[in-house]
Amino acid sequence: MFKGKFGLLSIASLLGLVLMTNVAFAEVTWRMAHKMPPDSPEGQVFQKFSDLVDKYSSGQMKVKMFPNEQLGKTNAVMEQLKLGTVHLYAEGSTYMKKWVPEITWISAAFLFDSHAHWVRFMNTDLVKGWYAKASKQAGVGVLGDPTAILRGPYRVMVTKKDVKNFDDMKGLKLRMHPNKTAIATWTTIGADVKTLAWTDVYQSIDKGIVSAVNSPIALVESMRFYEVAPHVVRHDEYYQSIGFMVHQPSYDKLSPDLQAVVNKAYAQAGKFSFEVMNKSADESIKRMSSKGVTFMDVDRSPFVSVMADFYKKMAADGELPQGFLETVEKTR
């Protein structure tokens, strides 16, 4: 037991030290979910973001990772995000179409002339308005520029047939996921579309049920598609990014300093994503090339031309968002 004034001073000093320690180590902790293994290219980008938040905030804010769908499948995580039990979900922001259907059109096939054209479109008031609507309705927004984190890094067709141009797509037996617009797109291009599960693709190509599949280049090697379809054609069907979907109320509650930290870390992780994704793709292509796989870029202009009429008809039938095609044209 402390006695006298020195005892009282010691107690006061001890309490002060405890309070100072608590302040020094006060933290904001966010939970971030994603589907990828931690050592995958995307997993590395997400960890880079977490590390930068810790660094730029001097430990005052931490982002705890939950990879490999540890917190559930997409629908479950999107609900957790809405409730705020998850603060960030790194995945394609097209999933926000459950609240704002217009968002699905950010991945329209063969509508954009280039990646730069798509980026300009994504940063228009029209698209920002769609995301703002989701934020207002569901409390789920996106961090910064939604195109900053690269995915793919680009899309290709993997095929048994040595496809060299647009005309070679005619009659091609192409696997497609069960999506009405995607099926209509490739039917318009002239392919013989068959819907199959992603996990059935390898066997279906091997048995001749289909002869081609569209895929991000990053998945061609890991899915071993090249073993049964040794020709890879880059067509940039559409452009992809990984949205950092955020629980908006949690972001809004951050101090301005911590908001700046999160935004800076996100921007830096975006730059890193272009490095790691492209390097990973180049290394994968080199390995597959050594096994006899061929790679080529196809001229996209005939695809864009054919699909222009497709989208005009959809607009005339009232199936496209108001102002959508006009905004695409203005950003060319």
Protein backbone atom coordinates (compact mmCIF):
# COMPACT_ATOMS: atom_id res chain seq x y z
CA MET A 1 0.00 0.00 0.00
CA PHE A 2 1.30 3.46 -0.92
CA LYS A 3 1.61 5.97 1.90
CA GLY A 4 2.05 9.74 2.06
CA LYS A 5 2.34 12.25 -0.70
CA PHE A 6 4.92 10.17 -2.55
CA GLY A 7 2.49 7.28 -2.65
CA LEU A 8 -0.24 9.52 -4.03
CA LEU A 9 2.16 10.92 -6.64
CA SER A 10 3.17 7.41 -7.64
CA ILE A 11 -0.46 6.38 -8.12
CA ALA A 12 -1.17 9.53 -10.12
CA SER A 13 1.90 8.97 -12.27
CA LEU A 14 0.93 5.34 -12.86
CA LEU A 15 -2.62 6.29 -13.89
CA GLY A 16 -1.26 8.95 -16.22
CA LEU A 17 1.10 6.45 -17.81
CA VAL A 18 -1.77 3.99 -18.35
CA LEU A 19 -3.93 6.68 -19.96
CA MET A 20 -1.07 7.83 -22.20
CA THR A 21 -0.40 4.22 -23.23
CA ASN A 22 -4.06 3.67 -24.12
CA VAL A 23 -4.07 6.81 -26.25
CA ALA A 24 -0.82 5.88 -27.97
CA PHE A 25 -2.16 2.45 -28.98
CA ALA A 26 -5.75 3.42 -29.74
CA GLU A 27 -6.75 1.75 -33.01
CA VAL A 28 -9.50 1.59 -35.58
CA THR A 29 -9.75 -1.97 -36.88
CA TRP A 30 -11.54 -2.83 -40.09
CA ARG A 31 -12.45 -6.28 -41.40
CA MET A 32 -11.73 -6.84 -45.11
CA ALA A 33 -13.05 -9.89 -46.97
CA HIS A 34 -12.02 -11.35 -50.30
CA LYS A 35 -12.09 -14.65 -52.21
CA MET A 36 -8.44 -15.09 -53.11
CA PRO A 37 -5.56 -17.00 -51.49
CA PRO A 38 -3.20 -14.62 -49.66
CA ASP A 39 -0.27 -15.52 -51.94
CA SER A 40 -2.19 -14.96 -55.19
CA PRO A 41 -1.51 -11.76 -57.17
CA GLU A 42 -4.79 -10.24 -55.98
CA GLY A 43 -4.13 -11.40 -52.43
CA GLN A 44 -0.77 -9.63 -52.53
CA VAL A 45 -2.45 -6.40 -53.64
CA PHE A 46 -4.97 -6.56 -50.81
CA GLN A 47 -2.23 -7.19 -48.25
CA LYS A 48 -0.28 -4.25 -49.69
CA PHE A 49 -3.29 -2.03 -49.01
CA SER A 50 -3.50 -3.31 -45.42
CA ASP A 51 0.22 -2.76 -44.85
CA LEU A 52 0.04 0.78 -46.23
CA VAL A 53 -2.92 1.68 -44.01
CA ASP A 54 -0.91 0.54 -41.00
CA LYS A 55 2.16 2.44 -42.20
CA TYR A 56 0.45 5.71 -43.14
CA SER A 57 -1.63 5.78 -39.94
CA SER A 58 1.40 4.96 -37.73
CA GLY A 59 -0.52 1.98 -36.39
CA GLN A 60 -3.65 3.93 -35.49
CA MET A 61 -5.72 2.00 -38.07
CA LYS A 62 -5.46 -1.63 -39.06
CA VAL A 63 -7.20 -3.66 -41.76
CA LYS A 64 -7.59 -7.33 -40.86
CA MET A 65 -7.77 -9.69 -43.85
CA PHE A 66 -10.23 -12.55 -44.29
CA PRO A 67 -9.16 -14.33 -47.51
CA ASN A 68 -10.48 -17.49 -49.21
CA GLU A 69 -14.16 -16.66 -48.53
CA GLN A 70 -13.61 -17.20 -44.80
CA LEU A 71 -16.61 -14.98 -44.05
CA GLY A 72 -18.87 -16.65 -46.63
CA LYS A 73 -19.85 -16.48 -50.28
CA THR A 74 -20.55 -13.21 -52.09
CA ASN A 75 -24.21 -12.81 -51.12
CA ALA A 76 -23.43 -13.42 -47.45
CA VAL A 77 -20.51 -10.98 -47.44
CA MET A 78 -22.51 -8.30 -49.25
CA GLU A 79 -25.11 -8.49 -46.47
CA GLN A 80 -22.37 -8.28 -43.82
CA LEU A 81 -21.01 -5.26 -45.65
CA LYS A 82 -24.43 -3.64 -45.58
CA LEU A 83 -24.69 -4.31 -41.83
CA GLY A 84 -21.17 -3.06 -41.13
CA THR A 85 -19.82 -6.32 -39.68
CA VAL A 86 -17.51 -6.28 -42.71
CA HIS A 87 -15.99 -2.92 -43.59
CA LEU A 88 -14.40 -3.68 -46.97
CA TYR A 89 -15.07 -6.29 -49.64
CA ALA A 90 -12.59 -6.56 -52.51
CA GLU A 91 -14.51 -7.90 -55.48
CA GLY A 92 -16.05 -6.78 -58.77
CA SER A 93 -18.31 -3.84 -57.98
CA THR A 94 -20.89 -5.18 -60.44
CA TYR A 95 -22.22 -7.11 -57.43
CA MET A 96 -23.69 -3.80 -56.30
CA LYS A 97 -26.29 -4.30 -59.04
CA LYS A 98 -28.40 -6.03 -56.37
CA TRP A 99 -29.19 -2.50 -55.15
CA VAL A 100 -28.69 -0.49 -58.34
CA PRO A 101 -29.27 -2.63 -61.48
CA GLU A 102 -27.64 -0.04 -63.76
CA ILE A 103 -24.23 -0.94 -62.33
CA THR A 104 -24.23 -4.19 -64.31
CA TRP A 105 -23.54 -2.17 -67.49
CA ILE A 106 -20.04 -1.15 -66.41
CA SER A 107 -18.98 -4.52 -67.88
CA ALA A 108 -20.76 -4.19 -71.24
CA ALA A 109 -18.94 -6.35 -73.80
CA PHE A 110 -17.24 -4.78 -76.84
CA LEU A 111 -18.72 -1.37 -76.16
CA PHE A 112 -15.54 0.52 -75.20
CA ASP A 113 -12.73 1.25 -77.65
CA SER A 114 -9.97 0.72 -75.12
CA HIS A 115 -9.16 0.45 -71.43
CA ALA A 116 -8.57 4.22 -71.33
CA HIS A 117 -12.03 4.81 -72.83
CA TRP A 118 -13.59 2.58 -70.17
CA VAL A 119 -11.72 4.41 -67.38
CA ARG A 120 -13.02 7.74 -68.63
CA PHE A 121 -16.56 6.35 -68.70
CA MET A 122 -16.24 4.92 -65.19
CA ASN A 123 -15.31 8.32 -63.81
CA THR A 124 -18.29 10.18 -65.31
CA ASP A 125 -21.09 11.72 -63.29
CA LEU A 126 -23.44 9.02 -64.62
CA VAL A 127 -21.48 6.14 -63.09
CA LYS A 128 -20.62 8.06 -59.95
CA GLY A 129 -24.35 8.64 -59.59
CA TRP A 130 -25.04 4.90 -59.71
CA TYR A 131 -22.52 4.26 -56.94
CA ALA A 132 -23.88 7.17 -54.91
CA LYS A 133 -27.36 5.68 -55.21
CA ALA A 134 -26.10 2.36 -53.83
CA SER A 135 -24.39 4.21 -50.99
CA LYS A 136 -27.61 5.99 -50.12
CA GLN A 137 -29.89 2.96 -50.44
CA ALA A 138 -27.70 0.25 -48.91
CA GLY A 139 -24.92 2.11 -47.11
CA VAL A 140 -22.37 0.47 -49.43
CA GLY A 141 -20.06 2.67 -51.50
CA VAL A 142 -16.73 2.32 -53.31
CA LEU A 143 -13.35 3.76 -52.46
CA GLY A 144 -11.84 6.28 -54.87
CA ASP A 145 -11.52 5.52 -58.57
CA PRO A 146 -13.32 2.17 -59.08
CA THR A 147 -10.91 1.24 -61.90
CA ALA A 148 -7.75 1.64 -59.79
CA ILE A 149 -7.28 -2.03 -58.83
CA LEU A 150 -6.66 -4.07 -61.99
CA ARG A 151 -8.26 -7.47 -62.51
CA GLY A 152 -7.55 -9.99 -65.23
CA PRO A 153 -5.35 -8.19 -66.17
CA TYR A 154 -7.25 -8.67 -69.45
CA ARG A 155 -9.70 -11.10 -71.03
CA VAL A 156 -8.93 -13.76 -73.60
CA MET A 157 -10.55 -16.62 -75.46
CA VAL A 158 -8.96 -20.05 -75.00
CA THR A 159 -9.77 -22.29 -77.96
CA LYS A 160 -8.97 -25.57 -79.71
CA LYS A 161 -9.32 -23.83 -83.07
CA ASP A 162 -6.59 -21.45 -84.21
CA VAL A 163 -8.79 -18.35 -84.21
CA LYS A 164 -7.18 -15.41 -86.00
CA ASN A 165 -9.97 -12.89 -86.67
CA PHE A 166 -13.61 -11.97 -86.17
CA ASP A 167 -14.87 -14.26 -88.97
CA ASP A 168 -13.32 -17.27 -87.25
CA MET A 169 -15.82 -16.78 -84.42
CA LYS A 170 -18.69 -17.91 -86.65
CA GLY A 171 -20.08 -21.22 -85.46
CA LEU A 172 -17.47 -21.58 -82.72
CA LYS A 173 -18.83 -23.72 -79.88
CA LEU A 174 -18.32 -21.35 -76.98
CA ARG A 175 -18.94 -21.99 -73.30
CA MET A 176 -20.91 -19.23 -71.59
CA HIS A 177 -22.22 -18.65 -68.09
CA PRO A 178 -26.04 -18.48 -67.75
CA ASN A 179 -26.44 -14.75 -68.36
CA LYS A 180 -29.00 -13.49 -70.87
CA THR A 181 -26.99 -10.51 -72.10
CA ALA A 182 -23.72 -12.46 -72.35
CA ILE A 183 -25.43 -15.20 -74.36
CA ALA A 184 -27.07 -12.62 -76.66
CA THR A 185 -23.72 -10.86 -77.11
CA TRP A 186 -21.86 -13.89 -78.37
CA THR A 187 -24.81 -15.17 -80.37
CA THR A 188 -24.85 -11.80 -82.15
CA ILE A 189 -21.13 -12.19 -82.86
CA GLY A 190 -21.92 -15.56 -84.42
CA ALA A 191 -20.73 -18.12 -81.88
CA ASP A 192 -22.65 -21.32 -81.06
CA VAL A 193 -23.17 -20.61 -77.36
CA LYS A 194 -23.60 -23.37 -74.80
CA THR A 195 -24.10 -22.67 -71.08
CA LEU A 196 -21.91 -24.68 -68.73
CA ALA A 197 -20.56 -24.40 -65.21
CA TRP A 198 -17.04 -22.96 -64.94
CA THR A 199 -15.77 -26.14 -63.29
CA ASP A 200 -17.07 -28.24 -66.21
CA VAL A 201 -15.15 -26.34 -68.88
CA TYR A 202 -11.96 -28.43 -69.00
CA GLN A 203 -13.78 -31.73 -69.41
CA SER A 204 -16.29 -30.24 -71.87
CA ILE A 205 -13.52 -28.96 -74.16
CA ASP A 206 -11.70 -32.27 -73.87
CA LYS A 207 -14.84 -34.17 -74.94
CA GLY A 208 -15.73 -31.73 -77.73
CA ILE A 209 -18.93 -30.42 -76.14
CA VAL A 210 -17.46 -26.92 -76.55
CA SER A 211 -14.25 -25.81 -78.20
CA ALA A 212 -13.63 -22.43 -76.55
CA VAL A 213 -14.10 -20.41 -73.36
CA ASN A 214 -13.61 -16.76 -72.36
CA SER A 215 -11.44 -16.18 -69.32
CA PRO A 216 -9.19 -13.69 -67.57
CA ILE A 217 -5.65 -14.49 -68.72
CA ALA A 218 -4.71 -14.97 -65.06
CA LEU A 219 -6.90 -18.10 -64.77
CA VAL A 220 -5.92 -19.92 -67.98
CA GLU A 221 -2.91 -21.65 -66.47
CA SER A 222 -4.38 -22.42 -63.05
CA MET A 223 -7.51 -23.95 -64.67
CA ARG A 224 -5.24 -25.87 -67.10
CA PHE A 225 -7.45 -24.86 -70.04
CA TYR A 226 -4.38 -24.65 -72.28
CA GLU A 227 -3.93 -28.43 -72.04
CA VAL A 228 -7.10 -29.03 -74.08
CA ALA A 229 -7.28 -25.71 -75.96
CA PRO A 230 -3.76 -24.57 -76.90
CA HIS A 231 -4.65 -21.26 -78.59
CA VAL A 232 -5.12 -18.08 -76.53
CA VAL A 233 -6.60 -15.01 -78.20
CA ARG A 234 -6.66 -11.65 -76.46
CA HIS A 235 -9.93 -9.88 -77.29
CA ASP A 236 -10.50 -7.61 -74.28
CA GLU A 237 -14.16 -8.64 -74.24
CA TYR A 238 -14.70 -6.14 -71.45
CA TYR A 239 -12.53 -4.42 -68.89
CA GLN A 240 -12.40 -5.41 -65.24
CA SER A 241 -11.36 -3.97 -61.94
CA ILE A 242 -11.64 -4.94 -58.30
CA GLY A 243 -13.84 -2.56 -56.40
CA PHE A 244 -13.06 -1.90 -52.76
CA MET A 245 -16.68 -1.85 -51.65
CA VAL A 246 -16.93 -0.08 -48.31
CA HIS A 247 -19.45 0.19 -45.49
CA GLN A 248 -20.14 3.87 -46.03
CA PRO A 249 -21.15 4.81 -42.46
CA SER A 250 -17.87 3.37 -41.15
CA TYR A 251 -15.88 5.36 -43.69
CA ASP A 252 -17.82 8.53 -42.91
CA LYS A 253 -17.07 8.11 -39.19
CA LEU A 254 -13.32 8.08 -39.76
CA SER A 255 -11.44 11.26 -38.95
CA PRO A 256 -10.36 13.29 -42.00
CA ASP A 257 -6.80 12.15 -41.36
CA LEU A 258 -7.74 8.47 -41.43
CA GLN A 259 -9.92 8.95 -44.50
CA ALA A 260 -6.86 10.44 -46.19
CA VAL A 261 -4.82 7.41 -45.06
CA VAL A 262 -7.33 4.96 -46.54
CA ASN A 263 -7.53 6.88 -49.82
CA LYS A 264 -3.76 7.14 -50.14
CA ALA A 265 -3.26 3.44 -49.39
CA TYR A 266 -5.93 2.53 -51.94
CA ALA A 267 -4.31 4.65 -54.66
CA GLN A 268 -0.89 3.14 -53.96
CA ALA A 269 -2.31 -0.40 -53.95
CA GLY A 270 -3.85 0.40 -57.33
CA LYS A 271 -0.47 1.26 -58.81
CA PHE A 272 0.97 -1.91 -57.29
CA SER A 273 -1.85 -3.99 -58.82
CA PHE A 274 -0.81 -3.02 -62.36
CA GLU A 275 2.75 -4.13 -61.59
CA VAL A 276 1.96 -7.46 -59.97
CA MET A 277 -0.94 -8.44 -62.26
CA ASN A 278 0.93 -7.77 -65.49
CA LYS A 279 4.10 -9.42 -64.21
CA SER A 280 2.13 -12.51 -63.16
CA ALA A 281 0.41 -12.69 -66.56
CA ASP A 282 3.71 -12.33 -68.44
CA GLU A 283 5.30 -15.11 -66.38
CA SER A 284 2.29 -17.37 -66.92
CA ILE A 285 2.36 -16.76 -70.69
CA LYS A 286 6.07 -17.58 -70.79
CA ARG A 287 5.48 -20.91 -69.01
CA MET A 288 2.58 -21.85 -71.29
CA SER A 289 4.47 -20.79 -74.43
CA SER A 290 7.23 -23.23 -73.51
CA LYS A 291 4.58 -25.96 -73.68
CA GLY A 292 3.48 -25.04 -77.21
CA VAL A 293 0.58 -22.71 -76.46
CA THR A 294 0.09 -19.91 -79.02
CA PHE A 295 -0.88 -16.32 -78.17
CA MET A 296 -2.22 -13.53 -80.37
CA ASP A 297 -4.22 -10.29 -80.24
CA VAL A 298 -7.35 -10.11 -82.38
CA ASP A 299 -8.61 -6.91 -84.03
CA ARG A 300 -11.46 -5.74 -81.80
CA SER A 301 -12.97 -3.22 -84.23
CA PRO A 302 -15.33 -5.70 -85.99
CA PHE A 303 -16.64 -6.83 -82.59
CA VAL A 304 -17.28 -3.24 -81.51
CA SER A 305 -18.97 -2.45 -84.83
CA VAL A 306 -21.36 -5.41 -84.69
CA MET A 307 -22.20 -4.80 -81.05
CA ALA A 308 -22.94 -1.10 -81.68
CA ASP A 309 -26.13 -2.07 -83.49
CA PHE A 310 -26.95 -4.54 -80.71
CA TYR A 311 -26.76 -1.81 -78.06
CA LYS A 312 -28.72 0.67 -80.18
CA LYS A 313 -31.56 -1.84 -80.41
CA MET A 314 -31.45 -2.44 -76.67
CA ALA A 315 -31.64 1.30 -76.08
CA ALA A 316 -34.60 1.62 -78.46
CA ASP A 317 -36.36 -1.18 -76.57
CA GLY A 318 -35.78 0.62 -73.26
CA GLU A 319 -33.39 -2.03 -71.94
CA LEU A 320 -30.45 0.29 -71.24
CA PRO A 321 -30.08 2.96 -68.53
CA GLN A 322 -31.02 6.47 -69.53
CA GLY A 323 -28.01 8.39 -70.81
CA PHE A 324 -25.82 5.28 -70.95
CA LEU A 325 -24.94 5.17 -74.66
CA GLU A 326 -24.69 8.96 -74.81
CA THR A 327 -22.12 8.90 -72.02
CA VAL A 328 -20.17 6.12 -73.73
CA GLU A 329 -20.01 8.23 -76.90
CA LYS A 330 -18.97 11.39 -75.07
CA THR A 331 -16.04 9.61 -73.44
CA ARG A 332 -14.61 8.06 -76.64
